C-alpha cells in the first residue's frame, strides 16, 4: 500500500485516524509546552525546518537517528521516541492487517 492509499484508508470511515497517535503529535505538544518553535528545534537537532514540520504534521516517522537528536535537544530519552514510533507503526499495521483478513465463509 503506497502513501496515498494509506492516507485514503486512514481517512475512511473504517478507521478513524484519531485513534492512532502519531509521534509527531506528542512532539508538537512538547514543543508547545516548552514554548519552543519548530525552527529552534531544527537548529538544535541539525535538520531543516521542513523536516521538523513533516514530523509534527504526522507526515514523516521519527527515525532512530532523529530520536537521538531529540534526546540531546529536549532531554527526553531516545528510547521514548523510538517506542512511540514503534507503537504507532504496530498499531497501524495491526489495523491494516485486520482489513486484509479474508473470511473464507463470507
Protein backbone atom coordinates (compact mmCIF):
# COMPACT_ATOMS: atom_id res chain seq x y z
CA UNK A 1 0.00 0.00 0.00
CA UNK A 2 1.55 3.31 -1.05
CA UNK A 3 1.35 6.53 0.96
CA UNK A 4 -1.64 7.90 -0.94
CA UNK A 5 -3.62 4.67 -0.49
CA UNK A 6 -2.73 4.64 3.21
CA UNK A 7 -3.91 8.24 3.60
CA UNK A 8 -7.23 7.45 1.91
CA UNK A 9 -7.60 4.37 4.09
CA UNK A 10 -6.95 6.27 7.30
CA UNK A 11 -9.41 8.96 6.25
CA UNK A 12 -12.10 6.37 5.58
CA UNK A 13 -14.99 5.54 7.91
CA UNK A 14 -13.48 2.09 8.61
CA UNK A 15 -10.62 3.51 10.65
CA UNK A 16 -10.57 6.82 12.45
CA UNK A 17 -7.04 8.17 12.45
CA UNK A 18 -7.62 9.94 15.76
CA UNK A 19 -7.31 6.54 17.43
CA UNK A 20 -3.80 6.11 16.08
CA UNK A 21 -1.49 8.68 17.66
CA UNK A 22 1.49 9.67 15.52
CA UNK A 23 4.65 10.54 17.50
CA UNK A 24 4.64 13.92 15.78
CA UNK A 25 1.57 14.87 17.78
CA UNK A 26 3.48 14.23 21.00
CA UNK A 27 6.45 16.21 19.72
CA UNK A 28 4.14 19.10 18.80
CA UNK A 29 2.64 19.15 22.32
CA UNK A 30 6.09 19.12 23.93
CA UNK A 31 7.25 22.00 21.76
CA UNK A 32 4.13 23.99 22.63
CA UNK A 33 4.54 23.25 26.36
CA UNK A 34 8.14 24.44 26.25
CA UNK A 35 7.45 27.45 24.06
CA UNK A 36 9.93 26.14 21.51
CA UNK A 37 9.44 26.79 17.82
CA UNK A 38 9.95 24.24 15.09
CA UNK A 39 12.73 26.48 13.80
CA UNK A 40 14.54 26.33 17.15
CA UNK A 41 14.19 22.55 17.28
CA UNK A 42 15.52 22.30 13.73
CA UNK A 43 18.57 24.35 14.72
CA UNK A 44 19.14 22.29 17.87
CA UNK A 45 18.85 18.98 16.00
CA UNK A 46 20.69 19.97 12.84
CA UNK A 47 17.84 19.33 10.41
CA UNK A 48 15.70 21.58 8.24
CA UNK A 49 12.53 23.23 9.46
CA UNK A 50 10.75 21.25 6.76
CA UNK A 51 11.94 18.01 8.36
CA UNK A 52 10.62 19.02 11.78
CA UNK A 53 7.38 20.24 10.21
CA UNK A 54 6.85 16.95 8.39
CA UNK A 55 7.18 15.06 11.67
CA UNK A 56 4.98 17.46 13.65
CA UNK A 57 2.35 17.26 10.89
CA UNK A 58 2.43 13.45 11.04
CA UNK A 59 3.83 13.04 7.54
CA UNK A 60 7.18 11.55 8.49
CA UNK A 61 8.34 8.98 11.02
CA UNK A 62 10.86 9.62 13.78
CA UNK A 63 13.97 7.66 12.87
CA UNK A 64 16.34 6.21 15.43
CA UNK A 65 18.98 8.78 14.49
CA UNK A 66 16.49 11.64 14.89
CA UNK A 67 15.31 10.19 18.20
CA UNK A 68 18.90 10.53 19.43
CA UNK A 69 18.97 14.15 18.29
CA UNK A 70 15.68 14.78 20.10
CA UNK A 71 17.19 13.28 23.25
CA UNK A 72 20.06 15.75 23.08
CA UNK A 73 17.86 18.74 22.19
CA UNK A 74 14.92 18.08 24.52
CA UNK A 75 16.38 15.91 27.27
CA UNK A 76 13.84 13.17 26.57
CA UNK A 77 15.35 9.71 26.20
CA UNK A 78 15.71 8.45 22.63
CA UNK A 79 14.01 5.23 23.71
CA UNK A 80 10.83 7.19 24.40
CA UNK A 81 10.69 8.42 20.80
CA UNK A 82 11.69 5.05 19.38
CA UNK A 83 8.96 3.33 21.40
CA UNK A 84 6.33 5.89 20.36
CA UNK A 85 7.20 5.32 16.71
CA UNK A 86 7.28 1.53 17.11
CA UNK A 87 3.90 1.52 18.87
CA UNK A 88 2.42 3.76 16.17
CA UNK A 89 3.79 1.51 13.42
CA UNK A 90 2.49 -1.62 15.14
CA UNK A 91 -0.98 -0.17 15.73
CA UNK A 92 -1.18 0.96 12.13
CA UNK A 93 -0.01 -2.43 10.88
CA UNK A 94 -2.47 -4.26 13.15
CA UNK A 95 -5.36 -2.19 11.81
CA UNK A 96 -4.27 -2.71 8.22
CA UNK A 97 -3.89 -6.44 8.81
CA UNK A 98 -7.44 -6.69 10.17
CA UNK A 99 -8.83 -5.37 6.91
CA UNK A 100 -6.68 -7.75 4.89
CA UNK A 101 -8.13 -10.85 6.56
CA UNK A 102 -10.46 -12.64 4.20
CA UNK A 103 -13.41 -14.58 5.62
CA UNK A 104 -13.38 -17.93 3.78
CA UNK A 105 -17.09 -18.34 4.52
CA UNK A 106 -18.35 -14.96 3.57
